């Protein structure tokens, strides 16, 4: 390979990536980032599922007007 070949962007990027992957500190940082990233995704998924579950229960409760009707008629009835 000539010197000009090393100055091409594709080759320079490949060399930089190879050097980074070969470096133990960089590999450690990538692993740590992957673990924290996956943990963050799992936590976010749990939060979204909890909100969706609460919304589903709220919709089910709003669809049952007969449950609210007896309380309204008792409050409106004269004593």
N, C-alpha and C. Protein backbone atom coordinates (compact mmCIF):
# COMPACT_ATOMS: atom_id res chain seq x y z
N UNK A 1 0.85 -1.18 0.00
CA UNK A 1 0.00 0.00 0.00
C UNK A 1 0.89 1.24 0.00
N UNK A 2 0.52 2.15 -0.80
CA UNK A 2 1.27 3.39 -0.88
C UNK A 2 0.76 4.36 0.18
N UNK A 3 1.51 5.40 0.43
CA UNK A 3 1.13 6.41 1.42
C UNK A 3 -0.20 7.07 1.05
N UNK A 4 -0.43 7.24 -0.23
CA UNK A 4 -1.68 7.86 -0.69
C UNK A 4 -2.89 7.01 -0.31
N UNK A 5 -2.72 5.69 -0.27
CA UNK A 5 -3.83 4.81 0.10
C UNK A 5 -4.26 5.03 1.55
N UNK A 6 -3.31 5.34 2.42
CA UNK A 6 -3.64 5.57 3.83
C UNK A 6 -4.36 6.90 4.05
N UNK A 7 -4.28 7.79 3.11
CA UNK A 7 -4.92 9.10 3.25
C UNK A 7 -6.36 9.11 2.76
N UNK A 8 -6.82 8.03 2.17
CA UNK A 8 -8.22 7.95 1.75
C UNK A 8 -9.10 7.86 2.99
N UNK A 9 -10.25 8.52 2.97
CA UNK A 9 -11.11 8.54 4.17
C UNK A 9 -11.55 7.14 4.62
N UNK A 10 -11.87 6.27 3.70
CA UNK A 10 -12.34 4.93 4.06
C UNK A 10 -11.25 4.17 4.81
N UNK A 11 -10.03 4.27 4.32
CA UNK A 11 -8.92 3.55 4.96
C UNK A 11 -8.62 4.16 6.32
N UNK A 12 -8.64 5.48 6.41
CA UNK A 12 -8.37 6.14 7.68
C UNK A 12 -9.40 5.76 8.73
N UNK A 13 -10.66 5.70 8.33
CA UNK A 13 -11.73 5.31 9.27
C UNK A 13 -11.55 3.86 9.70
N UNK A 14 -11.22 2.98 8.75
CA UNK A 14 -11.02 1.57 9.09
C UNK A 14 -9.85 1.39 10.05
N UNK A 15 -8.79 2.14 9.84
CA UNK A 15 -7.62 2.04 10.72
C UNK A 15 -7.97 2.56 12.10
N UNK A 16 -8.71 3.66 12.18
CA UNK A 16 -9.09 4.23 13.48
C UNK A 16 -10.01 3.28 14.25
N UNK A 17 -10.96 2.67 13.56
CA UNK A 17 -11.87 1.73 14.22
C UNK A 17 -11.12 0.50 14.69
N UNK A 18 -10.22 0.00 13.87
CA UNK A 18 -9.44 -1.17 14.26
C UNK A 18 -8.58 -0.87 15.48
N UNK A 19 -7.95 0.30 15.50
CA UNK A 19 -7.13 0.68 16.65
C UNK A 19 -7.99 0.84 17.89
N UNK A 20 -9.18 1.42 17.76
CA UNK A 20 -10.06 1.61 18.92
C UNK A 20 -10.55 0.27 19.47
N UNK A 21 -10.92 -0.64 18.57
CA UNK A 21 -11.42 -1.94 19.01
C UNK A 21 -10.31 -2.77 19.63
N UNK A 22 -9.08 -2.56 19.20
CA UNK A 22 -7.95 -3.30 19.75
C UNK A 22 -7.53 -2.79 21.12
N UNK A 23 -7.93 -1.60 21.47
CA UNK A 23 -7.50 -0.98 22.72
C UNK A 23 -8.37 -1.47 23.89
N UNK A 24 -7.77 -2.04 24.92
CA UNK A 24 -8.55 -2.53 26.07
C UNK A 24 -9.39 -1.44 26.76
N UNK A 25 -8.89 -0.22 26.97
CA UNK A 25 -9.75 0.80 27.61
C UNK A 25 -10.97 1.15 26.76
N UNK A 26 -10.78 1.18 25.44
CA UNK A 26 -11.91 1.49 24.56
C UNK A 26 -12.92 0.35 24.59
N UNK A 27 -12.44 -0.88 24.56
CA UNK A 27 -13.36 -2.02 24.64
C UNK A 27 -14.14 -2.00 25.94
N UNK A 28 -13.46 -1.67 27.03
CA UNK A 28 -14.13 -1.60 28.34
C UNK A 28 -15.21 -0.52 28.32
N UNK A 29 -14.90 0.63 27.75
CA UNK A 29 -15.87 1.72 27.67
C UNK A 29 -17.06 1.34 26.80
N UNK A 30 -16.80 0.64 25.71
CA UNK A 30 -17.89 0.21 24.83
C UNK A 30 -18.79 -0.80 25.55
N UNK A 31 -18.18 -1.75 26.26
CA UNK A 31 -18.98 -2.73 27.02
C UNK A 31 -19.81 -2.04 28.08
N UNK A 32 -19.19 -1.11 28.82
CA UNK A 32 -19.90 -0.41 29.88
C UNK A 32 -21.05 0.41 29.28
N UNK A 33 -20.80 1.06 28.15
CA UNK A 33 -21.85 1.83 27.48
C UNK A 33 -22.98 0.94 27.01
N UNK A 34 -22.64 -0.24 26.51
CA UNK A 34 -23.68 -1.17 26.06
C UNK A 34 -24.53 -1.65 27.23
N UNK A 35 -23.90 -1.94 28.36
CA UNK A 35 -24.64 -2.41 29.54
C UNK A 35 -25.56 -1.31 30.06
N UNK A 36 -25.02 -0.10 30.22
CA UNK A 36 -25.85 1.01 30.70
C UNK A 36 -26.95 1.36 29.71
N UNK A 37 -26.64 1.29 28.43
CA UNK A 37 -27.64 1.58 27.41
C UNK A 37 -28.78 0.57 27.44
N UNK A 38 -28.44 -0.70 27.56
CA UNK A 38 -29.47 -1.74 27.62
C UNK A 38 -30.30 -1.60 28.88
N UNK A 39 -29.65 -1.30 30.00
CA UNK A 39 -30.38 -1.10 31.25
C UNK A 39 -31.34 0.08 31.13
N UNK A 40 -30.89 1.14 30.50
CA UNK A 40 -31.76 2.30 30.29
C UNK A 40 -32.96 1.96 29.42
N UNK A 41 -32.73 1.18 28.38
CA UNK A 41 -33.85 0.78 27.51
C UNK A 41 -34.85 -0.09 28.27
N UNK A 42 -34.36 -1.00 29.10
CA UNK A 42 -35.26 -1.86 29.87
C UNK A 42 -36.07 -1.04 30.87
N UNK A 43 -35.45 -0.08 31.52
CA UNK A 43 -36.16 0.78 32.47
C UNK A 43 -37.21 1.61 31.74
N UNK A 44 -36.85 2.16 30.60
CA UNK A 44 -37.80 2.96 29.82
C UNK A 44 -38.98 2.11 29.37
N UNK A 45 -38.71 0.87 28.96
CA UNK A 45 -39.79 -0.02 28.54
C UNK A 45 -40.73 -0.31 29.71
N UNK A 46 -40.18 -0.53 30.90
CA UNK A 46 -41.01 -0.78 32.07
C UNK A 46 -41.88 0.43 32.39
N UNK A 47 -41.33 1.63 32.28
CA UNK A 47 -42.10 2.85 32.54
C UNK A 47 -43.23 3.01 31.53
N UNK A 48 -42.93 2.77 30.27
CA UNK A 48 -43.96 2.89 29.22
C UNK A 48 -45.06 1.86 29.45
N UNK A 49 -44.68 0.65 29.80
CA UNK A 49 -45.69 -0.39 30.05
C UNK A 49 -46.55 -0.04 31.25
N UNK A 50 -45.97 0.55 32.29
CA UNK A 50 -46.74 0.94 33.47
C UNK A 50 -47.73 2.05 33.12
N UNK A 51 -47.30 3.02 32.35
CA UNK A 51 -48.20 4.11 31.95
C UNK A 51 -49.32 3.57 31.06
N UNK A 52 -48.98 2.67 30.15
CA UNK A 52 -49.99 2.08 29.29
C UNK A 52 -51.00 1.27 30.10
N UNK A 53 -50.53 0.55 31.10
CA UNK A 53 -51.42 -0.24 31.94
C UNK A 53 -52.37 0.66 32.73
N UNK A 54 -51.82 1.76 33.29
CA UNK A 54 -52.68 2.69 34.02
C UNK A 54 -53.70 3.35 33.10
N UNK A 55 -53.29 3.68 31.89
CA UNK A 55 -54.21 4.28 30.93
C UNK A 55 -55.31 3.28 30.56
N UNK A 56 -54.94 2.04 30.40
CA UNK A 56 -55.92 1.01 30.06
C UNK A 56 -56.94 0.85 31.19
N UNK A 57 -56.46 0.86 32.44
CA UNK A 57 -57.38 0.75 33.57
C UNK A 57 -58.27 1.98 33.67
N UNK A 58 -57.73 3.15 33.37
CA UNK A 58 -58.53 4.37 33.38
C UNK A 58 -59.61 4.35 32.33
N UNK A 59 -59.29 3.83 31.17
CA UNK A 59 -60.29 3.75 30.09
C UNK A 59 -61.37 2.75 30.46
N UNK A 60 -60.99 1.62 31.04
CA UNK A 60 -61.98 0.62 31.45
C UNK A 60 -62.90 1.20 32.51
N UNK A 61 -62.35 1.98 33.44
CA UNK A 61 -63.17 2.59 34.48
C UNK A 61 -64.12 3.64 33.93
N UNK A 62 -63.70 4.35 32.91
CA UNK A 62 -64.54 5.38 32.30
C UNK A 62 -65.65 4.76 31.45
N UNK A 63 -65.50 3.55 31.01
CA UNK A 63 -66.49 2.90 30.17
C UNK A 63 -67.62 2.28 30.99
N UNK A 64 -67.54 2.29 32.31
CA UNK A 64 -68.57 1.69 33.15
C UNK A 64 -69.34 2.79 33.89
N UNK A 65 -70.29 3.44 33.22
CA UNK A 65 -71.01 4.53 33.87
C UNK A 65 -71.97 4.03 34.96
N UNK A 66 -72.38 2.76 34.92
CA UNK A 66 -73.30 2.24 35.94
C UNK A 66 -72.64 2.18 37.31
N UNK A 67 -71.33 2.10 37.35
CA UNK A 67 -70.64 2.09 38.63
C UNK A 67 -70.72 3.46 39.29
N UNK A 68 -70.75 4.52 38.52
CA UNK A 68 -70.83 5.88 39.07
C UNK A 68 -72.28 6.30 39.32
N UNK A 69 -73.24 5.68 38.66
CA UNK A 69 -74.64 6.09 38.75
C UNK A 69 -75.23 5.93 40.17
N UNK A 70 -75.04 4.83 40.89
CA UNK A 70 -75.63 4.74 42.23
C UNK A 70 -75.11 5.81 43.20
N UNK A 71 -73.88 6.16 43.09
CA UNK A 71 -73.34 7.19 43.98
C UNK A 71 -73.99 8.53 43.67
N UNK A 72 -74.26 8.81 42.41
CA UNK A 72 -74.89 10.07 42.03
C UNK A 72 -76.35 10.11 42.49
N UNK A 73 -77.06 8.99 42.38
CA UNK A 73 -78.47 9.00 42.76
C UNK A 73 -78.61 9.09 44.27
N UNK A 74 -77.69 8.50 45.03
CA UNK A 74 -77.75 8.60 46.49
C UNK A 74 -77.50 10.03 46.94
N UNK A 75 -76.58 10.70 46.29
CA UNK A 75 -76.26 12.08 46.67
C UNK A 75 -77.40 13.00 46.28
N UNK A 76 -78.13 12.71 45.20
CA UNK A 76 -79.19 13.58 44.74
C UNK A 76 -80.51 13.31 45.46
N UNK A 77 -80.68 12.13 46.06
CA UNK A 77 -81.94 11.78 46.71
C UNK A 77 -82.10 12.58 48.01
N UNK A 78 -83.29 13.13 48.24
CA UNK A 78 -83.53 13.87 49.49
C UNK A 78 -83.59 12.91 50.69
N UNK A 79 -83.12 13.34 51.82
CA UNK A 79 -83.10 12.49 53.01
C UNK A 79 -84.27 12.78 53.90
